Amino acid sequence: MTLQVPAILQSAPFIQRYPGNPVLDASKVPYPTALVFNAGVTKFNGKYVMIFRNDYGSLDEQTIEPHHTTDLGIAYSDDGVTWTAGPKPVFKMHDEEIIRAYDPRLTVIGGRCYMCFAVDTKHGIRGGIAVTDDLEHFEVLSLSTPDLRNMVLFPETIGGRYVRLERPFTVYSRGGQDRFDAWISESPDLRYWGNSSLLLAVEQVPFANDKVGPAAPPVRTDKGWLTTFHAVDIDPARGKHGWEPTWKKRYTAGIMLLDLEDPRKIIGMARQPLLAPETDYEIDGGFRNHVIFPGGMILEDNGEVKIYYGSADTIECLATAHVDDLISYCLKG
């Protein structure tokens, strides 16, 4: 039975979208591209760094090229608002088995920059983890078995273990349904993962009926791990909402607070979305409209939280809020 979701969802009243959105789009990238979105963002070596998904094609003709052309680009910023894209892509995977790598997420642990990413292969979707010290050379540490994606790392070890959030594709065991949940796993070395357990299920989120999963990597606060997640609702009555003949889904961003010592415990979760598609650039003119997907979250010294999100699977945007408001929003839930 499909859970009912309100037809209209609104963003939290305290969230502020950057007036100059998008902070990065195809026009700001110095090589051919159509879609620039779902970026991982962090602070590394004194600068803001963004690694973004780059899909080639034509904005005018509303077409994208085959999946194997997808790669990852990079951009830098001094203030987290104004971004300059690098001259060329920095990461790509493609061979006889691997089709593409995409949807990066960045986490700095112990002075090194780690990147989680999804990998389409001819035999399923795998989750990857790579590490870099210069943002030019990447060592792939781990590739999961199919089907797994949307992996994000916590920025420090917890109880001597690395911890990640992930979203398995449990299609067969869920009766063939497109219904996926957020899980949590741990590792002694970032290569071998286990001790997995369910963290957040679709039925726990009032604004989801299709799937939930990780979004931006968690941020440590005094009250707990501030953690965004993506929530998806599906409505068979929806028609054409993008370049495709039909697009029946809506992606919103939720937020929850996890226990600092045991992140398998949810301390609080907002019962309403943190960000819901509302603006023109979120609901119109994109590859897939009505889509918001956070991929980076930075807590500044003054308490401001910068949340970077892909909009309409087409551009990269920024929203801000104060950390105290975000925590309160979770605990009120």
C-alpha atoms as a PDB file:
ATOM      1  CA  MET A   1       0.000   0.000   0.000  1.00  0.00           C
ATOM      2  CA  THR A   2       1.398   3.376  -1.013  1.00  0.00           C
ATOM      3  CA  LEU A   3       1.695   5.915   1.778  1.00  0.00           C
ATOM      4  CA  GLN A   4      -0.132   9.173   1.136  1.00  0.00           C
ATOM      5  CA  VAL A   5       2.009  12.312   1.008  1.00  0.00           C
ATOM      6  CA  PRO A   6       0.644  15.889   1.035  1.00  0.00           C
ATOM      7  CA  ALA A   7       0.330  17.367  -2.451  1.00  0.00           C
ATOM      8  CA  ILE A   8       2.041  20.570  -1.322  1.00  0.00           C
ATOM      9  CA  LEU A   9       5.252  20.480   0.728  1.00  0.00           C
ATOM     10  CA  GLN A  10       7.043  23.578   1.981  1.00  0.00           C
ATOM     11  CA  SER A  11      10.599  24.316   3.071  1.00  0.00           C
ATOM     12  CA  ALA A  12      11.390  25.112   6.706  1.00  0.00           C
ATOM     13  CA  PRO A  13      10.579  28.793   7.421  1.00  0.00           C
ATOM     14  CA  PHE A  14      14.116  29.603   8.594  1.00  0.00           C
ATOM     15  CA  ILE A  15      15.936  28.235   5.544  1.00  0.00           C
ATOM     16  CA  GLN A  16      17.359  30.894   3.223  1.00  0.00           C
ATOM     17  CA  ARG A  17      18.132  30.222  -0.408  1.00  0.00           C
ATOM     18  CA  TYR A  18      21.070  32.175  -1.799  1.00  0.00           C
ATOM     19  CA  PRO A  19      19.578  34.988  -3.930  1.00  0.00           C
ATOM     20  CA  GLY A  20      22.181  34.433  -6.634  1.00  0.00           C
ATOM     21  CA  ASN A  21      21.365  30.756  -7.199  1.00  0.00           C
ATOM     22  CA  PRO A  22      22.625  28.765  -8.938  1.00  0.00           C
ATOM     23  CA  VAL A  23      26.159  28.935  -7.568  1.00  0.00           C
ATOM     24  CA  LEU A  24      27.321  26.714 -10.424  1.00  0.00           C
ATOM     25  CA  ASP A  25      25.751  25.729 -13.729  1.00  0.00           C
ATOM     26  CA  ALA A  26      26.803  24.679 -17.219  1.00  0.00           C
ATOM     27  CA  SER A  27      27.455  28.286 -18.308  1.00  0.00           C
ATOM     28  CA  LYS A  28      30.214  28.614 -15.687  1.00  0.00           C
ATOM     29  CA  VAL A  29      32.095  25.471 -16.727  1.00  0.00           C
ATOM     30  CA  PRO A  30      34.857  26.073 -19.323  1.00  0.00           C
ATOM     31  CA  TYR A  31      34.204  22.896 -21.307  1.00  0.00           C
ATOM     32  CA  PRO A  32      31.094  21.440 -22.969  1.00  0.00           C
ATOM     33  CA  THR A  33      28.461  20.256 -20.505  1.00  0.00           C
ATOM     34  CA  ALA A  34      24.695  20.274 -20.097  1.00  0.00           C
ATOM     35  CA  LEU A  35      24.047  19.333 -16.453  1.00  0.00           C
ATOM     36  CA  VAL A  36      26.099  20.369 -13.403  1.00  0.00           C
ATOM     37  CA  PHE A  37      24.624  19.065 -10.162  1.00  0.00           C
ATOM     38  CA  ASN A  38      24.723  16.680  -7.143  1.00  0.00           C
ATOM     39  CA  ALA A  39      28.077  18.001  -5.976  1.00  0.00           C
ATOM     40  CA  GLY A  40      30.102  17.086  -2.931  1.00  0.00           C
ATOM     41  CA  VAL A  41      31.425  20.152  -1.079  1.00  0.00           C
ATOM     42  CA  THR A  42      33.940  20.518   1.735  1.00  0.00           C
ATOM     43  CA  LYS A  43      36.733  22.700   3.080  1.00  0.00           C
ATOM     44  CA  PHE A  44      40.157  21.323   2.214  1.00  0.00           C
ATOM     45  CA  ASN A  45      43.606  22.894   2.466  1.00  0.00           C
ATOM     46  CA  GLY A  46      42.191  26.328   3.240  1.00  0.00           C
ATOM     47  CA  LYS A  47      39.664  26.529   0.387  1.00  0.00           C
ATOM     48  CA  TYR A  48      36.114  25.529  -0.319  1.00  0.00           C
ATOM     49  CA  VAL A  49      36.140  22.642  -2.793  1.00  0.00           C
ATOM     50  CA  MET A  50      33.294  21.304  -4.909  1.00  0.00           C
ATOM     51  CA  ILE A  51      33.413  18.153  -7.024  1.00  0.00           C
ATOM     52  CA  PHE A  52      30.337  17.999  -9.221  1.00  0.00           C
ATOM     53  CA  ARG A  53      28.605  15.572 -11.535  1.00  0.00           C
ATOM     54  CA  ASN A  54      29.030  16.633 -15.135  1.00  0.00           C
ATOM     55  CA  ASP A  55      26.685  15.244 -17.794  1.00  0.00           C
ATOM     56  CA  TYR A  56      27.263  16.190 -21.415  1.00  0.00           C
ATOM     57  CA  GLY A  57      24.536  17.083 -23.884  1.00  0.00           C
ATOM     58  CA  SER A  58      22.472  20.028 -25.079  1.00  0.00           C
ATOM     59  CA  LEU A  59      20.434  22.359 -22.912  1.00  0.00           C
ATOM     60  CA  ASP A  60      18.736  23.859 -25.976  1.00  0.00           C
ATOM     61  CA  GLU A  61      17.683  20.503 -27.392  1.00  0.00           C
ATOM     62  CA  GLN A  62      17.032  19.009 -23.940  1.00  0.00           C
ATOM     63  CA  THR A  63      19.140  15.942 -24.618  1.00  0.00           C
ATOM     64  CA  ILE A  64      21.996  14.244 -22.802  1.00  0.00           C
ATOM     65  CA  GLU A  65      24.686  12.068 -24.287  1.00  0.00           C
ATOM     66  CA  PRO A  66      25.222   8.385 -23.359  1.00  0.00           C
ATOM     67  CA  HIS A  67      25.998   7.599 -19.731  1.00  0.00           C
ATOM     68  CA  HIS A  68      29.631   6.728 -20.434  1.00  0.00           C
ATOM     69  CA  THR A  69      30.356  10.412 -21.135  1.00  0.00           C
ATOM     70  CA  THR A  70      29.573  11.404 -17.516  1.00  0.00           C
ATOM     71  CA  ASP A  71      32.557  12.573 -15.454  1.00  0.00           C
ATOM     72  CA  LEU A  72      33.323  14.667 -12.364  1.00  0.00           C
ATOM     73  CA  GLY A  73      34.470  18.283 -12.488  1.00  0.00           C
ATOM     74  CA  ILE A  74      35.935  20.485  -9.781  1.00  0.00           C
ATOM     75  CA  ALA A  75      35.382  24.063  -8.618  1.00  0.00           C
ATOM     76  CA  TYR A  76      36.992  26.240  -5.941  1.00  0.00           C
ATOM     77  CA  SER A  77      35.808  29.128  -3.800  1.00  0.00           C
ATOM     78  CA  ASP A  78      37.267  31.488  -1.205  1.00  0.00           C
ATOM     79  CA  ASP A  79      33.932  32.218   0.469  1.00  0.00           C
ATOM     80  CA  GLY A  80      31.721  29.231  -0.360  1.00  0.00           C
ATOM     81  CA  VAL A  81      29.456  31.424  -2.510  1.00  0.00           C
ATOM     82  CA  THR A  82      31.406  32.473  -5.615  1.00  0.00           C
ATOM     83  CA  TRP A  83      32.804  29.458  -7.439  1.00  0.00           C
ATOM     84  CA  THR A  84      35.340  29.025 -10.228  1.00  0.00           C
ATOM     85  CA  ALA A  85      35.351  25.759 -12.155  1.00  0.00           C
ATOM     86  CA  GLY A  86      38.633  24.067 -12.997  1.00  0.00           C
ATOM     87  CA  PRO A  87      39.787  23.773 -16.616  1.00  0.00           C
ATOM     88  CA  LYS A  88      39.007  20.067 -16.998  1.00  0.00           C
ATOM     89  CA  PRO A  89      37.286  17.125 -15.286  1.00  0.00           C
ATOM     90  CA  VAL A  90      39.223  15.479 -12.447  1.00  0.00           C
ATOM     91  CA  PHE A  91      37.699  11.998 -12.208  1.00  0.00           C
ATOM     92  CA  LYS A  92      36.187   9.473 -14.613  1.00  0.00           C
ATOM     93  CA  MET A  93      35.694   5.722 -14.653  1.00  0.00           C
ATOM     94  CA  HIS A  94      34.849   3.826 -17.831  1.00  0.00           C
ATOM     95  CA  ASP A  95      35.973   0.464 -19.214  1.00  0.00           C
ATOM     96  CA  GLU A  96      34.490  -2.777 -20.522  1.00  0.00           C
ATOM     97  CA  GLU A  97      32.560  -3.287 -17.264  1.00  0.00           C
ATOM     98  CA  ILE A  98      32.224   0.177 -15.717  1.00  0.00           C
ATOM     99  CA  ILE A  99      29.883   2.617 -17.461  1.00  0.00           C
ATOM    100  CA  ARG A 100      30.413   5.752 -15.349  1.00  0.00           C
ATOM    101  CA  ALA A 101      31.097   7.253 -11.912  1.00  0.00           C
ATOM    102  CA  TYR A 102      28.833  10.028 -10.618  1.00  0.00           C
ATOM    103  CA  ASP A 103      27.202  11.767  -7.609  1.00  0.00           C
ATOM    104  CA  PRO A 104      30.326  12.526  -5.522  1.00  0.00           C
ATOM    105  CA  ARG A 105      30.301  13.250  -1.772  1.00  0.00           C
ATOM    106  CA  LEU A 106      33.341  14.730  -0.017  1.00  0.00           C
ATOM    107  CA  THR A 107      34.528  14.229   3.566  1.00  0.00           C
ATOM    108  CA  VAL A 108      37.833  15.295   5.136  1.00  0.00           C
ATOM    109  CA  ILE A 109      39.146  12.793   7.674  1.00  0.00           C
ATOM    110  CA  GLY A 110      42.540  13.226   9.315  1.00  0.00           C
ATOM    111  CA  GLY A 111      43.676  15.815   6.780  1.00  0.00           C
ATOM    112  CA  ARG A 112      42.874  13.679   3.729  1.00  0.00           C
ATOM    113  CA  CYS A 113      39.952  14.198   1.362  1.00  0.00           C
ATOM    114  CA  TYR A 114      37.735  11.162   0.785  1.00  0.00           C
ATOM    115  CA  MET A 115      35.194  10.919  -2.003  1.00  0.00           C
ATOM    116  CA  CYS A 116      32.226   8.582  -2.094  1.00  0.00           C
ATOM    117  CA  PHE A 117      30.606   8.081  -5.483  1.00  0.00           C
ATOM    118  CA  ALA A 118      28.199   5.850  -7.382  1.00  0.00           C
ATOM    119  CA  VAL A 119      29.365   3.553 -10.170  1.00  0.00           C
ATOM    120  CA  ASP A 120      27.094   2.225 -12.905  1.00  0.00           C
ATOM    121  CA  THR A 121      28.332  -1.108 -14.229  1.00  0.00           C
ATOM    122  CA  LYS A 122      26.943  -3.657 -16.653  1.00  0.00           C
ATOM    123  CA  HIS A 123      26.087  -5.849 -13.672  1.00  0.00           C
ATOM    124  CA  GLY A 124      24.658  -3.368 -11.184  1.00  0.00           C
ATOM    125  CA  ILE A 125      25.251  -0.125  -9.298  1.00  0.00           C
ATOM    126  CA  ARG A 126      28.243  -0.079  -6.937  1.00  0.00           C
ATOM    127  CA  GLY A 127      29.320   2.408  -4.285  1.00  0.00           C
ATOM    128  CA  GLY A 128      32.918   3.603  -4.370  1.00  0.00           C
ATOM    129  CA  ILE A 129      35.295   5.317  -1.961  1.00  0.00           C
ATOM    130  CA  ALA A 130      38.442   7.105  -3.140  1.00  0.00           C
ATOM    131  CA  VAL A 131      41.026   9.276  -1.384  1.00  0.00           C
ATOM    132  CA  THR A 132      43.066  12.220  -2.638  1.00  0.00           C
ATOM    133  CA  ASP A 133      45.658  14.555  -1.182  1.00  0.00           C
ATOM    134  CA  ASP A 134      45.878  16.990  -4.107  1.00  0.00           C
ATOM    135  CA  LEU A 135      42.403  16.812  -5.760  1.00  0.00           C
ATOM    136  CA  GLU A 136      44.101  15.608  -8.922  1.00  0.00           C
ATOM    137  CA  HIS A 137      45.124  12.025  -8.164  1.00  0.00           C
ATOM    138  CA  PHE A 138      42.562   9.653  -6.645  1.00  0.00           C
ATOM    139  CA  GLU A 139      43.172   6.220  -5.161  1.00  0.00           C
ATOM    140  CA  VAL A 140      40.086   4.013  -5.185  1.00  0.00           C
ATOM    141  CA  LEU A 141      39.960   2.227  -1.839  1.00  0.00           C
ATOM    142  CA  SER A 142      36.698   0.333  -2.071  1.00  0.00           C
ATOM    143  CA  LEU A 143      33.946  -0.694  -4.472  1.00  0.00           C
ATOM    144  CA  SER A 144      30.879  -2.364  -3.009  1.00  0.00           C
ATOM    145  CA  THR A 145      28.911  -5.225  -4.457  1.00  0.00           C
ATOM    146  CA  PRO A 146      25.711  -4.302  -6.342  1.00  0.00           C
ATOM    147  CA  ASP A 147      23.395  -2.703  -5.622  1.00  0.00           C
ATOM    148  CA  LEU A 148      24.440   0.185  -3.406  1.00  0.00           C
ATOM    149  CA  ARG A 149      24.722   3.946  -3.772  1.00  0.00           C
ATOM    150  CA  ASN A 150      24.318   7.348  -2.018  1.00  0.00           C
ATOM    151  CA  MET A 151      27.154   6.552   0.374  1.00  0.00           C
ATOM    152  CA  VAL A 152      28.507   9.264   2.695  1.00  0.00           C
ATOM    153  CA  LEU A 153      31.239   9.136   5.336  1.00  0.00           C
ATOM    154  CA  PHE A 154      31.237  10.593   8.831  1.00  0.00           C
ATOM    155  CA  PRO A 155      34.160  13.057   9.241  1.00  0.00           C
ATOM    156  CA  GLU A 156      35.819  11.107  12.065  1.00  0.00           C
ATOM    157  CA  THR A 157      36.012   7.605  13.436  1.00  0.00           C
ATOM    158  CA  ILE A 158      33.444   6.648  16.069  1.00  0.00           C
ATOM    159  CA  GLY A 159      34.476   4.015  18.592  1.00  0.00           C
ATOM    160  CA  GLY A 160      37.594   3.383  16.535  1.00  0.00           C
ATOM    161  CA  ARG A 161      35.611   2.633  13.380  1.00  0.00           C
ATOM    162  CA  TYR A 162      34.864   4.512  10.185  1.00  0.00           C
ATOM    163  CA  VAL A 163      31.120   4.920   9.648  1.00  0.00           C
ATOM    164  CA  ARG A 164      29.104   5.493   6.516  1.00  0.00           C
ATOM    165  CA  LEU A 165      25.483   5.922   5.537  1.00  0.00           C
ATOM    166  CA  GLU A 166      24.198   4.207   2.400  1.00  0.00           C
ATOM    167  CA  ARG A 167      21.113   3.250   0.427  1.00  0.00           C
ATOM    168  CA  PRO A 168      20.863  -0.360  -0.778  1.00  0.00           C
ATOM    169  CA  PHE A 169      18.644  -1.280  -3.730  1.00  0.00           C
ATOM    170  CA  THR A 170      16.549  -4.026  -2.153  1.00  0.00           C
ATOM    171  CA  VAL A 171      14.206  -4.518  -5.100  1.00  0.00           C
ATOM    172  CA  TYR A 172      13.853  -8.305  -5.075  1.00  0.00           C
ATOM    173  CA  SER A 173      13.336  -8.626  -1.321  1.00  0.00           C
ATOM    174  CA  ARG A 174      10.792  -5.773  -1.306  1.00  0.00           C
ATOM    175  CA  GLY A 175       8.513  -7.520  -3.774  1.00  0.00           C
ATOM    176  CA  GLY A 176       9.836  -5.705  -6.832  1.00  0.00           C
ATOM    177  CA  GLN A 177       8.903  -2.297  -5.436  1.00  0.00           C
ATOM    178  CA  ASP A 178      10.882   0.889  -5.972  1.00  0.00           C
ATOM    179  CA  ARG A 179      11.184   1.318  -2.203  1.00  0.00           C
ATOM    180  CA  PHE A 180      14.563   1.967  -0.580  1.00  0.00           C
ATOM    181  CA  ASP A 181      15.736   2.937   2.908  1.00  0.00           C
ATOM    182  CA  ALA A 182      18.813   4.444   4.600  1.00  0.00           C
ATOM    183  CA  TRP A 183      21.290   2.053   6.228  1.00  0.00           C
ATOM    184  CA  ILE A 184      24.467   2.454   8.279  1.00  0.00           C
ATOM    185  CA  SER A 185      27.689   0.413   8.160  1.00  0.00           C
ATOM    186  CA  GLU A 186      31.167   0.531   9.701  1.00  0.00           C
ATOM    187  CA  SER A 187      34.725  -0.354   8.728  1.00  0.00           C
ATOM    188  CA  PRO A 188      38.158  -0.707  10.377  1.00  0.00           C
ATOM    189  CA  ASP A 189      39.998   0.655   7.327  1.00  0.00           C
ATOM    190  CA  LEU A 190      37.578   2.211   4.765  1.00  0.00           C
ATOM    191  CA  ARG A 191      38.054  -0.867   2.563  1.00  0.00           C
ATOM    192  CA  TYR A 192      36.036  -3.613   4.218  1.00  0.00           C
ATOM    193  CA  TRP A 193      32.535  -2.801   5.446  1.00  0.00           C
ATOM    194  CA  GLY A 194      30.030  -4.621   7.625  1.00  0.00           C
ATOM    195  CA  ASN A 195      27.929  -4.609  10.796  1.00  0.00           C
ATOM    196  CA  SER A 196      25.201  -3.017   8.700  1.00  0.00           C
ATOM    197  CA  SER A 197      21.790  -2.087  10.066  1.00  0.00           C
ATOM    198  CA  LEU A 198      18.703  -0.142   9.051  1.00  0.00           C
ATOM    199  CA  LEU A 199      18.843   3.520  10.126  1.00  0.00           C
ATOM    200  CA  LEU A 200      15.815   5.223   8.573  1.00  0.00           C
ATOM    201  CA  ALA A 201      12.912   3.577   6.739  1.00  0.00           C
ATOM    202  CA  VAL A 202      10.507   5.119   4.254  1.00  0.00           C
ATOM    203  CA  GLU A 203       7.539   4.618   6.574  1.00  0.00           C
ATOM    204  CA  GLN A 204       9.227   6.738   9.256  1.00  0.00           C
ATOM    205  CA  VAL A 205       9.211   9.841   7.034  1.00  0.00           C
ATOM    206  CA  PRO A 206       5.795  11.528   6.560  1.00  0.00           C
ATOM    207  CA  PHE A 207       6.864  13.211   3.327  1.00  0.00           C
ATOM    208  CA  ALA A 208       8.153  10.051   1.593  1.00  0.00           C
ATOM    209  CA  ASN A 209       6.405   7.058   0.088  1.00  0.00           C
ATOM    210  CA  ASP A 210       9.041   5.791  -2.337  1.00  0.00           C
ATOM    211  CA  LYS A 211      12.546   6.014  -0.870  1.00  0.00           C
ATOM    212  CA  VAL A 212      14.817   7.730   1.621  1.00  0.00           C
ATOM    213  CA  GLY A 213      18.593   7.794   1.772  1.00  0.00           C
ATOM    214  CA  PRO A 214      21.698   9.785   2.700  1.00  0.00           C
ATOM    215  CA  ALA A 215      22.312  13.253   1.305  1.00  0.00           C
ATOM    216  CA  ALA A 216      25.214  15.424   2.557  1.00  0.00           C
ATOM    217  CA  PRO A 217      27.822  13.896   4.891  1.00  0.00           C
ATOM    218  CA  PRO A 218      26.907  14.453   8.571  1.00  0.00           C
ATOM    219  CA  VAL A 219      28.233  17.438  10.533  1.00  0.00           C
ATOM    220  CA  ARG A 220      29.244  17.239  14.205  1.00  0.00           C
ATOM    221  CA  THR A 221      27.457  19.562  16.638  1.00  0.00           C
ATOM    222  CA  ASP A 222      27.356  19.618  20.434  1.00  0.00           C
ATOM    223  CA  LYS A 223      23.897  18.025  20.309  1.00  0.00           C
ATOM    224  CA  GLY A 224      24.616  15.270  17.813  1.00  0.00           C
ATOM    225  CA  TRP A 225      25.419  14.498  14.190  1.00  0.00           C
ATOM    226  CA  LEU A 226      23.382  16.877  12.037  1.00  0.00           C
ATOM    227  CA  THR A 227      22.399  14.727   9.079  1.00  0.00           C
ATOM    228  CA  THR A 228      20.447  15.526   5.920  1.00  0.00           C
ATOM    229  CA  PHE A 229      18.650  12.878   3.903  1.00  0.00           C
ATOM    230  CA  HIS A 230      16.768  12.751   0.627  1.00  0.00           C
ATOM    231  CA  ALA A 231      13.099  11.776   0.663  1.00  0.00           C
ATOM    232  CA  VAL A 232      11.147  10.789  -2.428  1.00  0.00           C
ATOM    233  CA  ASP A 233       7.411  10.618  -3.014  1.00  0.00           C
ATOM    234  CA  ILE A 234       5.846   9.252  -6.135  1.00  0.00           C
ATOM    235  CA  ASP A 235       2.462  10.090  -7.642  1.00  0.00           C
ATOM    236  CA  PRO A 236       1.324   8.074 -10.692  1.00  0.00           C
ATOM    237  CA  ALA A 237      -0.848  11.025 -11.778  1.00  0.00           C
ATOM    238  CA  ARG A 238       2.146  13.291 -12.402  1.00  0.00           C
ATOM    239  CA  GLY A 239       2.931  13.968 -16.018  1.00  0.00           C
ATOM    240  CA  LYS A 240       5.815  15.616 -17.829  1.00  0.00           C
ATOM    241  CA  HIS A 241       8.033  17.419 -15.315  1.00  0.00           C
ATOM    242  CA  GLY A 242      11.300  17.703 -17.244  1.00  0.00           C
ATOM    243  CA  TRP A 243      12.960  16.445 -20.359  1.00  0.00           C
ATOM    244  CA  GLU A 244      11.534  12.948 -20.121  1.00  0.00           C
ATOM    245  CA  PRO A 245       8.020  11.991 -21.329  1.00  0.00           C
ATOM    246  CA  THR A 246       6.912  11.515 -17.715  1.00  0.00           C
ATOM    247  CA  TRP A 247       8.500  12.173 -14.327  1.00  0.00           C
ATOM    248  CA  LYS A 248       6.361  11.002 -11.432  1.00  0.00           C
ATOM    249  CA  LYS A 249       8.716  11.629  -8.502  1.00  0.00           C
ATOM    250  CA  ARG A 250       9.455  14.556  -6.201  1.00  0.00           C
ATOM    251  CA  TYR A 251      12.679  14.804  -4.182  1.00  0.00           C
ATOM    252  CA  THR A 252      12.801  16.792  -0.956  1.00  0.00           C
ATOM    253  CA  ALA A 253      15.487  17.186   1.706  1.00  0.00           C
ATOM    254  CA  GLY A 254      14.936  16.120   5.285  1.00  0.00           C
ATOM    255  CA  ILE A 255      17.096  16.513   8.366  1.00  0.00           C
ATOM    256  CA  MET A 256      17.710  14.472  11.510  1.00  0.00           C
ATOM    257  CA  LEU A 257      20.044  14.386  14.505  1.00  0.00           C
ATOM    258  CA  LEU A 258      22.049  11.256  15.325  1.00  0.00           C
ATOM    259  CA  ASP A 259      23.710  10.359  18.612  1.00  0.00           C
ATOM    260  CA  LEU A 260      27.383  11.387  18.753  1.00  0.00           C
ATOM    261  CA  GLU A 261      28.580   8.151  20.353  1.00  0.00           C
ATOM    262  CA  ASP A 262      26.168   5.816  18.601  1.00  0.00           C
ATOM    263  CA  PRO A 263      24.968   7.253  15.270  1.00  0.00           C
ATOM    264  CA  ARG A 264      22.633   4.288  14.858  1.00  0.00           C
ATOM    265  CA  LYS A 265      20.361   6.139  17.290  1.00  0.00           C
ATOM    266  CA  ILE A 266      18.146   8.890  15.860  1.00  0.00           C
ATOM    267  CA  ILE A 267      17.773  11.591  18.544  1.00  0.00           C
ATOM    268  CA  GLY A 268      15.313  13.647  16.549  1.00  0.00           C
ATOM    269  CA  MET A 269      13.952  14.087  13.036  1.00  0.00           C
ATOM    270  CA  ALA A 270      11.968  16.912  11.504  1.00  0.00           C
ATOM    271  CA  ARG A 271       8.506  15.747  10.479  1.00  0.00           C
ATOM    272  CA  GLN A 272       8.432  18.254   7.635  1.00  0.00           C
ATOM    273  CA  PRO A 273      10.988  18.798   4.843  1.00  0.00           C
ATOM    274  CA  LEU A 274      13.997  21.032   5.334  1.00  0.00           C
ATOM    275  CA  LEU A 275      13.936  21.938   1.637  1.00  0.00           C
ATOM    276  CA  ALA A 276      11.102  21.298  -0.789  1.00  0.00           C
ATOM    277  CA  PRO A 277      10.968  22.311  -4.485  1.00  0.00           C
ATOM    278  CA  GLU A 278       9.444  25.783  -4.651  1.00  0.00           C
ATOM    279  CA  THR A 279      11.466  28.207  -6.766  1.00  0.00           C
ATOM    280  CA  ASP A 280      11.343  28.514 -10.545  1.00  0.00           C
ATOM    281  CA  TYR A 281      14.755  26.865 -10.933  1.00  0.00           C
ATOM    282  CA  GLU A 282      13.605  23.900  -8.805  1.00  0.00           C
ATOM    283  CA  ILE A 283      10.237  23.238 -10.466  1.00  0.00           C
ATOM    284  CA  ASP A 284      10.649  24.337 -14.080  1.00  0.00           C
ATOM    285  CA  GLY A 285      13.079  24.096 -16.976  1.00  0.00           C
ATOM    286  CA  GLY A 286      15.305  21.342 -15.589  1.00  0.00           C
ATOM    287  CA  PHE A 287      16.165  17.820 -16.652  1.00  0.00           C
ATOM    288  CA  ARG A 288      13.999  16.422 -13.833  1.00  0.00           C
ATOM    289  CA  ASN A 289      11.937  19.104 -12.119  1.00  0.00           C
ATOM    290  CA  HIS A 290      10.788  19.007  -8.501  1.00  0.00           C
ATOM    291  CA  VAL A 291      14.126  17.566  -7.386  1.00  0.00           C
ATOM    292  CA  ILE A 292      16.273  18.795  -4.479  1.00  0.00           C
ATOM    293  CA  PHE A 293      19.292  16.720  -3.466  1.00  0.00           C
ATOM    294  CA  PRO A 294      21.803  18.004  -0.859  1.00  0.00           C
ATOM    295  CA  GLY A 295      25.359  16.789  -1.343  1.00  0.00           C
ATOM    296  CA  GLY A 296      27.420  19.080   0.913  1.00  0.00           C
ATOM    297  CA  MET A 297      26.963  20.760   4.276  1.00  0.00           C
ATOM    298  CA  ILE A 298      29.477  23.060   5.997  1.00  0.00           C
ATOM    299  CA  LEU A 299      29.159  24.413   9.551  1.00  0.00           C
ATOM    300  CA  GLU A 300      30.875  27.801   9.814  1.00  0.00           C
ATOM    301  CA  ASP A 301      32.430  29.222  12.995  1.00  0.00           C
ATOM    302  CA  ASN A 302      29.586  31.753  13.360  1.00  0.00           C
ATOM    303  CA  GLY A 303      26.942  29.008  13.399  1.00  0.00           C
ATOM    304  CA  GLU A 304      25.845  29.416   9.801  1.00  0.00           C
ATOM    305  CA  VAL A 305      25.324  26.159   7.949  1.00  0.00           C
ATOM    306  CA  LYS A 306      25.840  26.164   4.191  1.00  0.00           C
ATOM    307  CA  ILE A 307      23.818  23.477   2.429  1.00  0.00           C
ATOM    308  CA  TYR A 308      24.693  22.769  -1.197  1.00  0.00           C
ATOM    309  CA  TYR A 309      22.121  20.957  -3.279  1.00  0.00           C
ATOM    310  CA  GLY A 310      21.462  19.822  -6.800  1.00  0.00           C
ATOM    311  CA  SER A 311      18.320  21.402  -8.261  1.00  0.00           C
ATOM    312  CA  ALA A 312      16.177  19.753 -10.946  1.00  0.00           C
ATOM    313  CA  ASP A 313      19.140  17.456 -11.754  1.00  0.00           C
ATOM    314  CA  THR A 314      20.534  20.438 -13.694  1.00  0.00           C
ATOM    315  CA  ILE A 315      22.280  23.056 -11.503  1.00  0.00           C
ATOM    316  CA  GLU A 316      24.017  23.415  -8.142  1.00  0.00           C
ATOM    317  CA  CYS A 317      22.474  25.726  -5.535  1.00  0.00           C
ATOM    318  CA  LEU A 318      23.053  26.994  -1.996  1.00  0.00           C
ATOM    319  CA  ALA A 319      20.801  27.444   1.025  1.00  0.00           C
ATOM    320  CA  THR A 320      21.760  28.570   4.533  1.00  0.00           C
ATOM    321  CA  ALA A 321      20.405  28.304   8.067  1.00  0.00           C
ATOM    322  CA  HIS A 322      21.692  28.710  11.619  1.00  0.00           C
ATOM    323  CA  VAL A 323      22.799  25.507  13.294  1.00  0.00           C
ATOM    324  CA  ASP A 324      20.599  26.180  16.330  1.00  0.00           C
ATOM    325  CA  ASP A 325      17.497  26.386  14.117  1.00  0.00           C
ATOM    326  CA  LEU A 326      18.408  23.134  12.398  1.00  0.00           C
ATOM    327  CA  ILE A 327      18.933  21.304  15.690  1.00  0.00           C
ATOM    328  CA  SER A 328      15.689  22.690  17.119  1.00  0.00           C
ATOM    329  CA  TYR A 329      13.844  21.623  13.967  1.00  0.00           C
ATOM    330  CA  CYS A 330      15.076  18.054  14.475  1.00  0.00           C
ATOM    331  CA  LEU A 331      14.272  17.909  18.188  1.00  0.00           C
ATOM    332  CA  LYS A 332      10.767  19.340  17.739  1.00  0.00           C
ATOM    333  CA  GLY A 333      10.086  16.387  15.467  1.00  0.00           C
END
